[in-house]
Amino acid sequence: MESVAAKPDDSSGQPLNSELRQKHFLDGVKAMSPFILSAIPMAMIAGALGVTSGLTGLQTLLLAMLANSGTIQFVVYMMLQESASWTVVLLTVLTLSLRMMIYSIVLRDKVNDISPGWKLVMGFGLIDALFFIFVEKFKDKDAPVTARQWFYLGGSFSIYAAWTAATVVGILVGAALLEWAGSGVDFPMTALFVAMLASCLVDRKAYCIVSVAGLTAMLAHHAPYGLGTILGTVAGVAAGVLYGRWVPEKNAEVVVEEVKES
């Protein structure tokens, strides 16, 4: 007779115990470790840039903790240096955050069976790197709820804690770090994102989206306030929508099968 105390996981039937949660949590930490190593110097630079842009140390730290986005931090600092109004800053931040809405739509099928409280936590912790890792890790929609929850939390918490701590170091060191910023410390992070993007190129639709987005971003590279990236994102989304309307779904599936067979 089975013990009543062994409460099963709703999705897998495995015991829902602390050891299982810890395993999935550490799996998330391990998956994010390459990004953490690359993010630490960037966070230090962000902290230093914040206090040299007119913000206090506390304001810089709060921005890092509440925004949970290095992109938003750097854009805010740049706009403050150019004396942009807070209205323009806010609108720019909201525009940059639109990609998170796209990420959320993609993740919807993978978190439908997760509680609202967990979804709030996952929403706050959503960043570019974690999105790619989570999608790649849980291609199987039947993965246990426990695995998805704690893997995500491990990845999110680890890079959040590392970024916050490194930001504090940057605040304390200050302007001395900004000279170091020009030595190419951002290259490892860029290389990792390129590698993740390459792994997502599995069909013609993906190639179309990436090509349109990349070309648009390059052509609009000199647009003010980093709008080139935003325009590239919008163009990529539009390309994906138009491709889905113009190319029959059946043909797209055939292409995917051909790629898998090769």
Protein backbone atom coordinates (compact mmCIF):
# COMPACT_ATOMS: atom_id res chain seq x y z
CA MET A 1 0.00 0.00 0.00
CA GLU A 2 1.43 3.38 -1.00
CA SER A 3 2.17 5.94 1.65
CA VAL A 4 -0.29 8.82 1.78
CA ALA A 5 2.55 11.17 2.78
CA ALA A 6 4.20 10.86 -0.63
CA LYS A 7 2.34 13.54 -2.52
CA PRO A 8 2.78 13.04 -6.28
CA ASP A 9 3.61 15.68 -8.83
CA ASP A 10 0.51 16.41 -10.91
CA SER A 11 2.36 15.91 -14.20
CA SER A 12 4.85 13.10 -13.60
CA GLY A 13 3.69 11.08 -10.63
CA GLN A 14 7.13 11.53 -9.01
CA PRO A 15 7.42 12.51 -5.34
CA LEU A 16 7.20 16.26 -4.91
CA ASN A 17 10.06 16.64 -2.40
CA SER A 18 12.80 19.11 -1.63
CA GLU A 19 15.48 16.99 -3.32
CA LEU A 20 13.59 17.05 -6.63
CA ARG A 21 13.01 20.79 -6.44
CA GLN A 22 16.66 21.38 -5.57
CA LYS A 23 17.79 19.29 -8.54
CA HIS A 24 15.68 21.26 -11.01
CA PHE A 25 16.74 24.55 -9.39
CA LEU A 26 20.43 23.68 -9.76
CA ASP A 27 19.83 22.56 -13.35
CA GLY A 28 18.56 26.07 -14.05
CA VAL A 29 21.59 27.63 -12.36
CA LYS A 30 23.95 25.45 -14.42
CA ALA A 31 22.16 26.31 -17.66
CA MET A 32 22.51 30.03 -16.94
CA SER A 33 26.13 29.89 -15.71
CA PRO A 34 27.72 30.89 -19.08
CA PHE A 35 25.48 33.95 -19.22
CA ILE A 36 26.19 34.82 -15.60
CA LEU A 37 29.94 34.88 -16.27
CA SER A 38 29.39 37.22 -19.22
CA ALA A 39 26.80 39.36 -17.41
CA ILE A 40 28.94 40.17 -14.36
CA PRO A 41 31.32 42.62 -16.09
CA MET A 42 28.39 44.20 -17.94
CA ALA A 43 26.51 44.71 -14.66
CA MET A 44 29.59 46.29 -13.09
CA ILE A 45 29.81 48.71 -16.01
CA ALA A 46 26.07 49.44 -15.69
CA GLY A 47 26.52 50.29 -12.01
CA ALA A 48 29.42 52.61 -12.75
CA LEU A 49 27.58 54.24 -15.65
CA GLY A 50 24.53 54.87 -13.47
CA VAL A 51 26.37 56.93 -10.86
CA THR A 52 28.24 58.87 -13.56
CA SER A 53 24.95 59.68 -15.35
CA GLY A 54 23.52 61.72 -12.51
CA LEU A 55 21.78 59.01 -10.49
CA THR A 56 22.63 58.25 -6.89
CA GLY A 57 23.96 54.84 -5.92
CA LEU A 58 20.60 53.88 -4.44
CA GLN A 59 18.70 54.99 -7.55
CA THR A 60 21.08 53.01 -9.76
CA LEU A 61 20.63 49.90 -7.64
CA LEU A 62 16.83 50.25 -7.56
CA LEU A 63 16.72 50.64 -11.34
CA ALA A 64 18.75 47.45 -11.74
CA MET A 65 16.55 45.50 -9.31
CA LEU A 66 13.18 46.74 -10.58
CA ALA A 67 13.89 46.79 -14.32
CA ASN A 68 15.67 43.42 -14.37
CA SER A 69 16.97 44.35 -17.80
CA GLY A 70 20.48 45.41 -18.73
CA THR A 71 19.20 46.83 -22.01
CA ILE A 72 16.79 49.15 -20.22
CA GLN A 73 19.49 50.26 -17.78
CA PHE A 74 21.95 51.26 -20.49
CA VAL A 75 19.29 53.03 -22.55
CA VAL A 76 18.07 55.00 -19.51
CA TYR A 77 21.63 56.08 -18.68
CA MET A 78 22.27 57.15 -22.27
CA MET A 79 19.06 59.17 -22.42
CA LEU A 80 19.76 60.83 -19.08
CA GLN A 81 23.16 61.91 -20.39
CA GLU A 82 21.36 63.46 -23.38
CA SER A 83 18.95 65.27 -21.01
CA ALA A 84 15.89 63.48 -22.38
CA SER A 85 12.60 64.05 -20.57
CA TRP A 86 11.24 61.34 -18.31
CA THR A 87 8.25 60.97 -20.62
CA VAL A 88 10.54 60.05 -23.51
CA VAL A 89 12.53 57.73 -21.24
CA LEU A 90 9.35 55.94 -20.12
CA LEU A 91 8.03 55.54 -23.66
CA THR A 92 11.37 54.14 -24.80
CA VAL A 93 11.46 51.67 -21.92
CA LEU A 94 7.93 50.48 -22.72
CA THR A 95 8.85 50.05 -26.38
CA LEU A 96 11.94 48.03 -25.52
CA SER A 97 9.82 45.83 -23.27
CA LEU A 98 7.50 44.84 -26.12
CA ARG A 99 9.74 41.85 -26.91
CA MET A 100 8.85 40.45 -23.49
CA MET A 101 5.22 40.37 -24.58
CA ILE A 102 6.28 38.35 -27.61
CA TYR A 103 8.26 36.00 -25.37
CA SER A 104 5.25 35.60 -23.09
CA ILE A 105 3.01 34.64 -25.99
CA VAL A 106 5.51 32.00 -27.09
CA LEU A 107 5.75 30.62 -23.53
CA ARG A 108 2.00 30.55 -22.96
CA ASP A 109 1.57 26.91 -23.96
CA LYS A 110 4.43 25.89 -21.69
CA VAL A 111 3.02 27.53 -18.55
CA ASN A 112 -0.74 27.06 -18.92
CA ASP A 113 -0.82 24.50 -16.12
CA ILE A 114 1.27 26.61 -13.72
CA SER A 115 -0.39 28.57 -10.92
CA PRO A 116 -0.99 32.36 -11.26
CA GLY A 117 1.45 33.08 -8.43
CA TRP A 118 4.24 31.21 -10.18
CA LYS A 119 3.40 32.98 -13.44
CA LEU A 120 3.91 36.36 -11.75
CA VAL A 121 7.34 35.26 -10.51
CA MET A 122 8.26 33.88 -13.92
CA GLY A 123 7.06 37.05 -15.64
CA PHE A 124 9.28 39.25 -13.51
CA GLY A 125 12.27 36.97 -14.04
CA LEU A 126 11.87 36.74 -17.82
CA ILE A 127 14.98 37.85 -19.72
CA ASP A 128 16.28 37.11 -23.21
CA ALA A 129 18.78 34.41 -22.24
CA LEU A 130 16.35 32.56 -19.97
CA PHE A 131 13.67 32.58 -22.66
CA PHE A 132 15.92 30.82 -25.17
CA ILE A 133 17.20 28.33 -22.61
CA PHE A 134 13.72 27.51 -21.29
CA VAL A 135 12.25 26.99 -24.75
CA GLU A 136 15.14 24.75 -25.78
CA LYS A 137 15.06 22.78 -22.51
CA PHE A 138 11.33 22.12 -22.49
CA LYS A 139 10.47 21.38 -26.08
CA ASP A 140 8.53 18.46 -24.62
CA LYS A 141 5.19 19.92 -23.52
CA ASP A 142 4.69 16.95 -21.15
CA ALA A 143 7.58 17.97 -18.88
CA PRO A 144 6.56 17.94 -15.17
CA VAL A 145 5.29 21.18 -13.68
CA THR A 146 7.87 20.92 -10.90
CA ALA A 147 10.72 20.67 -13.40
CA ARG A 148 9.57 23.70 -15.35
CA GLN A 149 8.91 25.86 -12.28
CA TRP A 150 12.14 25.21 -10.39
CA PHE A 151 14.39 25.13 -13.45
CA TYR A 152 13.05 28.56 -14.41
CA LEU A 153 13.44 29.87 -10.86
CA GLY A 154 17.01 28.60 -10.64
CA GLY A 155 17.98 30.29 -13.89
CA SER A 156 16.16 33.51 -13.10
CA PHE A 157 17.30 33.87 -9.50
CA SER A 158 20.95 33.08 -10.21
CA ILE A 159 21.46 35.71 -12.90
CA TYR A 160 19.29 38.24 -11.02
CA ALA A 161 21.40 37.86 -7.87
CA ALA A 162 24.66 37.97 -9.81
CA TRP A 163 23.61 41.07 -11.78
CA THR A 164 22.49 42.88 -8.62
CA ALA A 165 25.70 42.08 -6.74
CA ALA A 166 27.88 43.11 -9.69
CA THR A 167 25.90 46.35 -10.03
CA VAL A 168 26.75 47.18 -6.41
CA VAL A 169 30.44 46.61 -7.17
CA GLY A 170 30.17 48.93 -10.17
CA ILE A 171 28.49 51.61 -8.05
CA LEU A 172 31.27 51.43 -5.48
CA VAL A 173 34.11 51.47 -8.01
CA GLY A 174 32.53 54.18 -10.16
CA ALA A 175 34.10 55.90 -13.15
CA ALA A 176 37.31 53.83 -13.06
CA LEU A 177 35.36 50.96 -14.62
CA LEU A 178 34.21 52.93 -17.65
CA GLU A 179 37.68 52.90 -19.22
CA TRP A 180 37.62 49.11 -18.94
CA ALA A 181 34.27 49.07 -20.74
CA GLY A 182 35.95 49.68 -24.08
CA SER A 183 38.08 46.54 -23.90
CA GLY A 184 35.48 44.23 -25.48
CA VAL A 185 34.07 42.64 -22.31
CA ASP A 186 30.65 42.48 -23.96
CA PHE A 187 31.80 40.07 -26.69
CA PRO A 188 31.17 36.78 -24.79
CA MET A 189 27.53 37.74 -24.19
CA THR A 190 27.10 38.66 -27.86
CA ALA A 191 28.66 35.37 -28.97
CA LEU A 192 26.33 33.37 -26.71
CA PHE A 193 23.23 35.07 -28.14
CA VAL A 194 24.45 34.45 -31.68
CA ALA A 195 24.89 30.75 -30.84
CA MET A 196 21.37 30.56 -29.38
CA LEU A 197 19.92 32.33 -32.40
CA ALA A 198 21.65 29.90 -34.76
CA SER A 199 20.10 26.94 -32.93
CA CYS A 200 16.63 28.41 -33.57
CA LEU A 201 17.08 28.58 -37.36
CA VAL A 202 15.20 25.39 -38.17
CA ASP A 203 12.98 26.44 -41.08
CA ARG A 204 12.51 29.06 -43.80
CA LYS A 205 10.21 31.16 -41.64
CA ALA A 206 12.91 31.56 -39.00
CA TYR A 207 15.47 32.51 -41.64
CA CYS A 208 13.03 35.05 -43.08
CA ILE A 209 12.35 36.67 -39.70
CA VAL A 210 16.02 36.85 -38.71
CA SER A 211 17.08 38.19 -42.11
CA VAL A 212 14.47 40.96 -42.17
CA ALA A 213 15.06 41.93 -38.54
CA GLY A 214 18.84 41.95 -38.92
CA LEU A 215 18.86 43.90 -42.17
CA THR A 216 16.44 46.50 -40.80
CA ALA A 217 18.46 46.93 -37.61
CA MET A 218 21.67 47.41 -39.60
CA LEU A 219 20.10 49.98 -41.94
CA ALA A 220 18.70 51.88 -38.94
CA HIS A 221 21.87 51.52 -36.89
CA HIS A 222 22.41 55.28 -36.61
CA ALA A 223 18.85 56.03 -35.51
CA PRO A 224 18.70 57.99 -32.22
CA TYR A 225 18.00 56.38 -28.86
CA GLY A 226 18.80 52.90 -30.15
CA LEU A 227 15.66 52.85 -32.28
CA GLY A 228 17.42 50.66 -34.84
CA THR A 229 16.96 47.61 -32.63
CA ILE A 230 13.31 48.46 -32.05
CA LEU A 231 12.67 48.92 -35.77
CA GLY A 232 14.42 45.62 -36.47
CA THR A 233 12.21 43.85 -33.92
CA VAL A 234 9.02 45.30 -35.39
CA ALA A 235 10.12 44.39 -38.91
CA GLY A 236 10.94 40.85 -37.83
CA VAL A 237 7.53 40.39 -36.21
CA ALA A 238 5.82 41.77 -39.31
CA ALA A 239 7.83 39.40 -41.51
CA GLY A 240 6.77 36.46 -39.38
CA VAL A 241 3.10 37.42 -39.57
CA LEU A 242 3.19 37.97 -43.33
CA TYR A 243 5.09 34.73 -43.90
CA GLY A 244 2.45 32.84 -41.93
CA ARG A 245 -0.29 34.33 -44.11
CA TRP A 246 1.38 33.92 -47.49
CA VAL A 247 3.05 30.53 -47.07
CA PRO A 248 0.69 27.56 -46.57
CA GLU A 249 1.13 25.90 -43.18
CA LYS A 250 1.47 22.50 -44.84
CA ASN A 251 4.54 23.62 -46.77
CA ALA A 252 6.16 24.96 -43.62
CA GLU A 253 5.68 21.61 -41.88
CA VAL A 254 7.26 19.79 -44.81
CA VAL A 255 10.30 22.07 -44.59
CA VAL A 256 10.67 21.34 -40.87
CA GLU A 257 10.53 17.59 -41.50
CA GLU A 258 13.14 17.90 -44.25
CA VAL A 259 15.45 19.81 -41.92
CA LYS A 260 15.02 17.20 -39.17
CA GLU A 261 15.73 14.34 -41.57
CA SER A 262 18.89 16.02 -42.85
